[in-house]
Amino acid sequence: MQLVVEISEDTFFDLKKKQNRTEVDNTVLNGTPLPKGHGRLIDADAVLEASIGNTYKDIDIAETIIEADKESD
């Protein structure tokens, strides 16, 4: 099972400071953060399996797993 979790930076740093971590703490700390401003995330394998012509339209209509990050600093 894979989970995408949104936590604040303060919570992340609080977890980092903790001496005795749980498995959940370690899972979050070992995660890979998505970059700010990323595009929407789709299951590309599902697009390739279900596509009719492997066109940009197939990607365009693919189900979104995670919405694009429109935030910019």
N, C-alpha and C. Protein backbone atom coordinates (compact mmCIF):
# COMPACT_ATOMS: atom_id res chain seq x y z
N MET A 1 0.84 -1.18 0.00
CA MET A 1 0.00 0.00 0.00
C MET A 1 0.89 1.24 0.00
N GLN A 2 0.50 2.21 -0.79
CA GLN A 2 1.22 3.48 -0.83
C GLN A 2 0.27 4.59 -0.45
N LEU A 3 0.75 5.52 0.37
CA LEU A 3 -0.06 6.65 0.79
C LEU A 3 0.63 7.95 0.43
N VAL A 4 -0.14 8.94 0.08
CA VAL A 4 0.36 10.29 -0.10
C VAL A 4 -0.18 11.09 1.08
N VAL A 5 0.71 11.72 1.82
CA VAL A 5 0.32 12.42 3.03
C VAL A 5 0.77 13.86 2.96
N GLU A 6 -0.12 14.77 3.37
CA GLU A 6 0.25 16.17 3.42
C GLU A 6 0.39 16.58 4.88
N ILE A 7 1.59 17.04 5.24
CA ILE A 7 1.84 17.53 6.59
C ILE A 7 2.55 18.87 6.48
N SER A 8 2.48 19.66 7.53
CA SER A 8 3.16 20.96 7.50
C SER A 8 4.66 20.76 7.68
N GLU A 9 5.44 21.75 7.28
CA GLU A 9 6.89 21.68 7.47
C GLU A 9 7.22 21.62 8.95
N ASP A 10 6.45 22.35 9.78
CA ASP A 10 6.69 22.32 11.23
C ASP A 10 6.54 20.90 11.78
N THR A 11 5.49 20.19 11.34
CA THR A 11 5.28 18.82 11.79
C THR A 11 6.43 17.93 11.33
N PHE A 12 6.86 18.13 10.10
CA PHE A 12 7.98 17.34 9.57
C PHE A 12 9.23 17.55 10.41
N PHE A 13 9.55 18.79 10.73
CA PHE A 13 10.75 19.07 11.51
C PHE A 13 10.61 18.56 12.94
N ASP A 14 9.40 18.61 13.51
CA ASP A 14 9.16 18.03 14.83
C ASP A 14 9.43 16.53 14.82
N LEU A 15 9.00 15.85 13.75
CA LEU A 15 9.27 14.42 13.64
C LEU A 15 10.77 14.14 13.54
N LYS A 16 11.48 15.00 12.81
CA LYS A 16 12.92 14.82 12.64
C LYS A 16 13.68 14.92 13.96
N LYS A 17 13.21 15.76 14.86
CA LYS A 17 13.89 15.99 16.14
C LYS A 17 13.70 14.85 17.14
N LYS A 18 12.63 14.09 16.97
CA LYS A 18 12.28 13.04 17.91
C LYS A 18 13.36 11.96 17.98
N GLN A 19 13.67 11.51 19.17
CA GLN A 19 14.70 10.48 19.34
C GLN A 19 14.17 9.08 19.03
N ASN A 20 13.06 8.69 19.63
CA ASN A 20 12.48 7.36 19.44
C ASN A 20 11.35 7.43 18.43
N ARG A 21 11.65 7.05 17.21
CA ARG A 21 10.66 7.16 16.14
C ARG A 21 9.88 5.87 15.99
N THR A 22 8.63 6.01 15.57
CA THR A 22 7.81 4.85 15.25
C THR A 22 8.00 4.52 13.78
N GLU A 23 7.44 3.41 13.35
CA GLU A 23 7.51 3.03 11.93
C GLU A 23 6.84 4.08 11.05
N VAL A 24 5.74 4.67 11.52
CA VAL A 24 5.05 5.70 10.75
C VAL A 24 5.94 6.93 10.61
N ASP A 25 6.58 7.35 11.71
CA ASP A 25 7.49 8.49 11.65
C ASP A 25 8.57 8.24 10.60
N ASN A 26 9.18 7.07 10.63
CA ASN A 26 10.26 6.76 9.69
C ASN A 26 9.76 6.71 8.25
N THR A 27 8.54 6.21 8.06
CA THR A 27 7.98 6.17 6.71
C THR A 27 7.83 7.58 6.15
N VAL A 28 7.31 8.49 6.96
CA VAL A 28 7.14 9.88 6.52
C VAL A 28 8.51 10.51 6.26
N LEU A 29 9.45 10.31 7.18
CA LEU A 29 10.76 10.93 7.04
C LEU A 29 11.54 10.40 5.84
N ASN A 30 11.28 9.17 5.43
CA ASN A 30 11.99 8.59 4.29
C ASN A 30 11.25 8.80 2.97
N GLY A 31 10.13 9.52 3.02
CA GLY A 31 9.36 9.80 1.80
C GLY A 31 10.08 10.77 0.89
N THR A 32 9.63 10.82 -0.34
CA THR A 32 10.17 11.76 -1.32
C THR A 32 9.18 12.88 -1.51
N PRO A 33 9.57 14.11 -1.17
CA PRO A 33 8.63 15.21 -1.34
C PRO A 33 8.44 15.56 -2.82
N LEU A 34 7.21 15.93 -3.15
CA LEU A 34 6.94 16.39 -4.51
C LEU A 34 7.43 17.82 -4.64
N PRO A 35 8.02 18.18 -5.77
CA PRO A 35 8.50 19.55 -5.93
C PRO A 35 7.36 20.55 -6.03
N LYS A 36 7.57 21.75 -5.55
CA LYS A 36 6.57 22.82 -5.67
C LYS A 36 6.33 23.09 -7.16
N GLY A 37 5.08 23.31 -7.50
CA GLY A 37 4.74 23.62 -8.89
C GLY A 37 4.66 22.41 -9.81
N HIS A 38 4.63 21.18 -9.24
CA HIS A 38 4.56 19.99 -10.09
C HIS A 38 3.24 19.95 -10.85
N GLY A 39 3.23 19.27 -11.96
CA GLY A 39 2.00 19.08 -12.74
C GLY A 39 1.14 18.00 -12.11
N ARG A 40 -0.03 17.77 -12.69
CA ARG A 40 -0.90 16.74 -12.14
C ARG A 40 -0.26 15.38 -12.35
N LEU A 41 -0.50 14.49 -11.42
CA LEU A 41 0.09 13.16 -11.49
C LEU A 41 -0.97 12.16 -11.90
N ILE A 42 -0.61 11.32 -12.87
CA ILE A 42 -1.52 10.30 -13.40
C ILE A 42 -0.83 8.94 -13.33
N ASP A 43 -1.59 7.88 -13.53
CA ASP A 43 -1.03 6.54 -13.63
C ASP A 43 -0.71 6.30 -15.11
N ALA A 44 0.52 6.57 -15.49
CA ALA A 44 0.92 6.47 -16.90
C ALA A 44 0.77 5.05 -17.43
N ASP A 45 1.03 4.04 -16.58
CA ASP A 45 0.87 2.66 -17.03
C ASP A 45 -0.58 2.37 -17.43
N ALA A 46 -1.53 2.89 -16.65
CA ALA A 46 -2.94 2.70 -16.98
C ALA A 46 -3.29 3.38 -18.30
N VAL A 47 -2.69 4.53 -18.55
CA VAL A 47 -2.93 5.24 -19.82
C VAL A 47 -2.42 4.40 -20.98
N LEU A 48 -1.24 3.83 -20.84
CA LEU A 48 -0.67 3.02 -21.93
C LEU A 48 -1.48 1.75 -22.17
N GLU A 49 -1.99 1.15 -21.09
CA GLU A 49 -2.79 -0.07 -21.24
C GLU A 49 -4.14 0.21 -21.89
N ALA A 50 -4.76 1.33 -21.55
CA ALA A 50 -6.12 1.62 -22.00
C ALA A 50 -6.18 2.53 -23.22
N SER A 51 -5.06 3.06 -23.63
CA SER A 51 -5.10 4.05 -24.70
C SER A 51 -5.44 3.42 -26.05
N ILE A 52 -6.03 4.24 -26.88
CA ILE A 52 -6.38 3.79 -28.22
C ILE A 52 -5.24 4.09 -29.18
N GLY A 53 -4.64 5.28 -29.03
CA GLY A 53 -3.58 5.64 -29.96
C GLY A 53 -2.34 6.19 -29.29
N ASN A 54 -2.25 6.09 -27.95
CA ASN A 54 -1.11 6.64 -27.21
C ASN A 54 -0.85 8.10 -27.58
N THR A 55 -1.90 8.86 -27.63
CA THR A 55 -1.77 10.26 -28.01
C THR A 55 -1.81 11.15 -26.78
N TYR A 56 -1.55 12.43 -26.99
CA TYR A 56 -1.66 13.40 -25.90
C TYR A 56 -3.08 13.44 -25.36
N LYS A 57 -4.06 13.14 -26.21
CA LYS A 57 -5.45 13.13 -25.76
C LYS A 57 -5.65 12.06 -24.69
N ASP A 58 -5.00 10.90 -24.85
CA ASP A 58 -5.09 9.85 -23.84
C ASP A 58 -4.59 10.35 -22.49
N ILE A 59 -3.50 11.08 -22.51
CA ILE A 59 -2.94 11.65 -21.29
C ILE A 59 -3.88 12.72 -20.74
N ASP A 60 -4.43 13.51 -21.65
CA ASP A 60 -5.31 14.61 -21.26
C ASP A 60 -6.55 14.12 -20.51
N ILE A 61 -7.08 12.96 -20.91
CA ILE A 61 -8.31 12.47 -20.29
C ILE A 61 -8.04 11.44 -19.19
N ALA A 62 -6.78 11.17 -18.91
CA ALA A 62 -6.43 10.21 -17.86
C ALA A 62 -6.89 10.71 -16.49
N GLU A 63 -7.27 9.76 -15.63
CA GLU A 63 -7.70 10.10 -14.28
C GLU A 63 -6.54 10.72 -13.50
N THR A 64 -6.81 11.81 -12.82
CA THR A 64 -5.81 12.50 -12.01
C THR A 64 -5.71 11.82 -10.65
N ILE A 65 -4.49 11.47 -10.24
CA ILE A 65 -4.26 10.88 -8.92
C ILE A 65 -3.99 11.98 -7.91
N ILE A 66 -3.15 12.93 -8.28
CA ILE A 66 -2.84 14.09 -7.43
C ILE A 66 -2.91 15.33 -8.31
N GLU A 67 -3.68 16.30 -7.87
CA GLU A 67 -3.84 17.55 -8.63
C GLU A 67 -2.51 18.29 -8.74
N ALA A 68 -2.39 19.10 -9.77
CA ALA A 68 -1.19 19.93 -9.96
C ALA A 68 -1.05 20.92 -8.82
N ASP A 69 0.20 21.23 -8.47
CA ASP A 69 0.49 22.22 -7.45
C ASP A 69 0.65 23.57 -8.14
N LYS A 70 -0.30 24.44 -7.96
CA LYS A 70 -0.26 25.74 -8.61
C LYS A 70 0.48 26.77 -7.78
N GLU A 71 0.91 26.37 -6.57
CA GLU A 71 1.61 27.28 -5.66
C GLU A 71 3.03 27.54 -6.17
N SER A 72 3.46 28.77 -6.08
CA SER A 72 4.83 29.10 -6.43
C SER A 72 5.37 30.10 -5.43
N ASP A 73 6.63 29.93 -5.07
CA ASP A 73 7.28 30.84 -4.10
C ASP A 73 8.18 31.80 -4.80
